[in-house]
Amino acid sequence: MFSVGLFFAVLSALYGLVAGILGVIAVVPTFDLGIIAAIGAGIGGILLAMVVWAIGGFIGGIIAAFVYNLVFAVQGGIEVDLDVESRQG
């Protein structure tokens, strides 16, 4: 379950990067900040979005893996039939 949570954390952090960039583009120009403050707010906003989304993705991934394992433990899993027939032409 940890590996699924880690995968979703990394994927969500990438989504957070995009959301953070879009959020900074939308919000920072509306405030009258100096250039240094705007850069600091931009970097801080992007990093905060990445961390928050990564934590949410990790928790969501662990919950999804737990539910998946619980359902398939009760249901009996997936059976895959790999019967390969040889074809003679």
Protein backbone atom coordinates (compact mmCIF):
# COMPACT_ATOMS: atom_id res chain seq x y z
CA MET A 1 0.00 0.00 0.00
CA PHE A 2 2.89 2.35 0.70
CA SER A 3 4.16 2.14 -2.87
CA VAL A 4 0.72 3.04 -4.25
CA GLY A 5 0.55 5.96 -1.83
CA LEU A 6 4.01 7.10 -2.89
CA PHE A 7 3.07 6.88 -6.57
CA PHE A 8 -0.04 8.96 -6.02
CA ALA A 9 1.94 11.44 -3.91
CA VAL A 10 4.43 12.04 -6.73
CA LEU A 11 1.66 12.26 -9.33
CA SER A 12 -0.32 14.66 -7.17
CA ALA A 13 2.78 16.77 -6.52
CA LEU A 14 3.11 17.25 -10.27
CA TYR A 15 -0.55 18.29 -10.41
CA GLY A 16 0.17 20.62 -7.49
CA LEU A 17 3.05 22.14 -9.43
CA VAL A 18 0.74 22.98 -12.31
CA ALA A 19 -2.00 24.23 -9.96
CA GLY A 20 0.54 26.31 -8.03
CA ILE A 21 1.89 27.93 -11.16
CA LEU A 22 -1.60 28.73 -12.41
CA GLY A 23 -2.60 30.04 -8.98
CA VAL A 24 0.45 32.27 -8.74
CA ILE A 25 -0.14 33.61 -12.25
CA ALA A 26 -3.72 34.43 -11.27
CA VAL A 27 -3.14 35.88 -7.79
CA VAL A 28 0.26 37.56 -7.53
CA PRO A 29 -0.35 40.26 -10.20
CA THR A 30 -3.45 41.43 -8.30
CA PHE A 31 -1.36 42.54 -5.31
CA ASP A 32 0.91 45.57 -5.24
CA LEU A 33 4.11 43.79 -4.18
CA GLY A 34 7.72 44.53 -4.88
CA ILE A 35 9.57 42.22 -7.25
CA ILE A 36 11.34 40.34 -4.45
CA ALA A 37 8.11 39.84 -2.51
CA ALA A 38 6.30 38.71 -5.65
CA ILE A 39 9.01 36.15 -6.42
CA GLY A 40 8.97 34.92 -2.82
CA ALA A 41 5.19 34.67 -2.79
CA GLY A 42 5.26 32.85 -6.12
CA ILE A 43 7.82 30.29 -5.04
CA GLY A 44 6.13 29.85 -1.67
CA GLY A 45 2.72 29.39 -3.29
CA ILE A 46 4.03 26.81 -5.74
CA LEU A 47 5.85 24.84 -3.03
CA LEU A 48 2.85 24.97 -0.72
CA ALA A 49 0.55 23.70 -3.47
CA MET A 50 2.95 20.85 -4.27
CA VAL A 51 3.24 19.76 -0.64
CA VAL A 52 -0.50 19.94 0.05
CA TRP A 53 -1.38 18.04 -3.13
CA ALA A 54 1.33 15.43 -2.42
CA ILE A 55 0.01 14.80 1.10
CA GLY A 56 -3.54 14.49 -0.23
CA GLY A 57 -2.40 12.16 -3.01
CA PHE A 58 -0.49 9.97 -0.57
CA ILE A 59 -3.46 9.64 1.76
CA GLY A 60 -5.84 9.06 -1.16
CA GLY A 61 -3.52 6.44 -2.66
CA ILE A 62 -3.28 4.52 0.59
CA ILE A 63 -7.06 4.60 1.02
CA ALA A 64 -7.58 3.45 -2.58
CA ALA A 65 -5.08 0.59 -2.19
CA PHE A 66 -6.69 -0.47 1.10
CA VAL A 67 -10.18 -0.54 -0.43
CA TYR A 68 -8.86 -2.39 -3.51
CA ASN A 69 -7.18 -5.03 -1.35
CA LEU A 70 -10.24 -5.35 0.87
CA VAL A 71 -12.65 -5.79 -2.04
CA PHE A 72 -10.53 -8.34 -3.85
CA ALA A 73 -9.79 -10.27 -0.66
CA VAL A 74 -13.53 -10.71 -0.12
CA GLN A 75 -14.36 -11.23 -3.81
CA GLY A 76 -11.54 -13.68 -4.47
CA GLY A 77 -9.35 -11.70 -6.79
CA ILE A 78 -9.02 -11.66 -10.55
CA GLU A 79 -8.49 -14.87 -12.48
CA VAL A 80 -6.54 -14.57 -15.70
CA ASP A 81 -6.59 -17.39 -18.23
CA LEU A 82 -3.50 -17.39 -20.41
CA ASP A 83 -4.32 -20.36 -22.61
CA VAL A 84 -2.28 -19.99 -25.76
CA GLU A 85 -3.25 -22.10 -28.72
CA SER A 86 -0.68 -22.82 -31.36
CA ARG A 87 -1.78 -22.00 -34.88
CA GLN A 88 -0.58 -24.07 -37.76
CA GLY A 89 -1.09 -22.53 -41.16
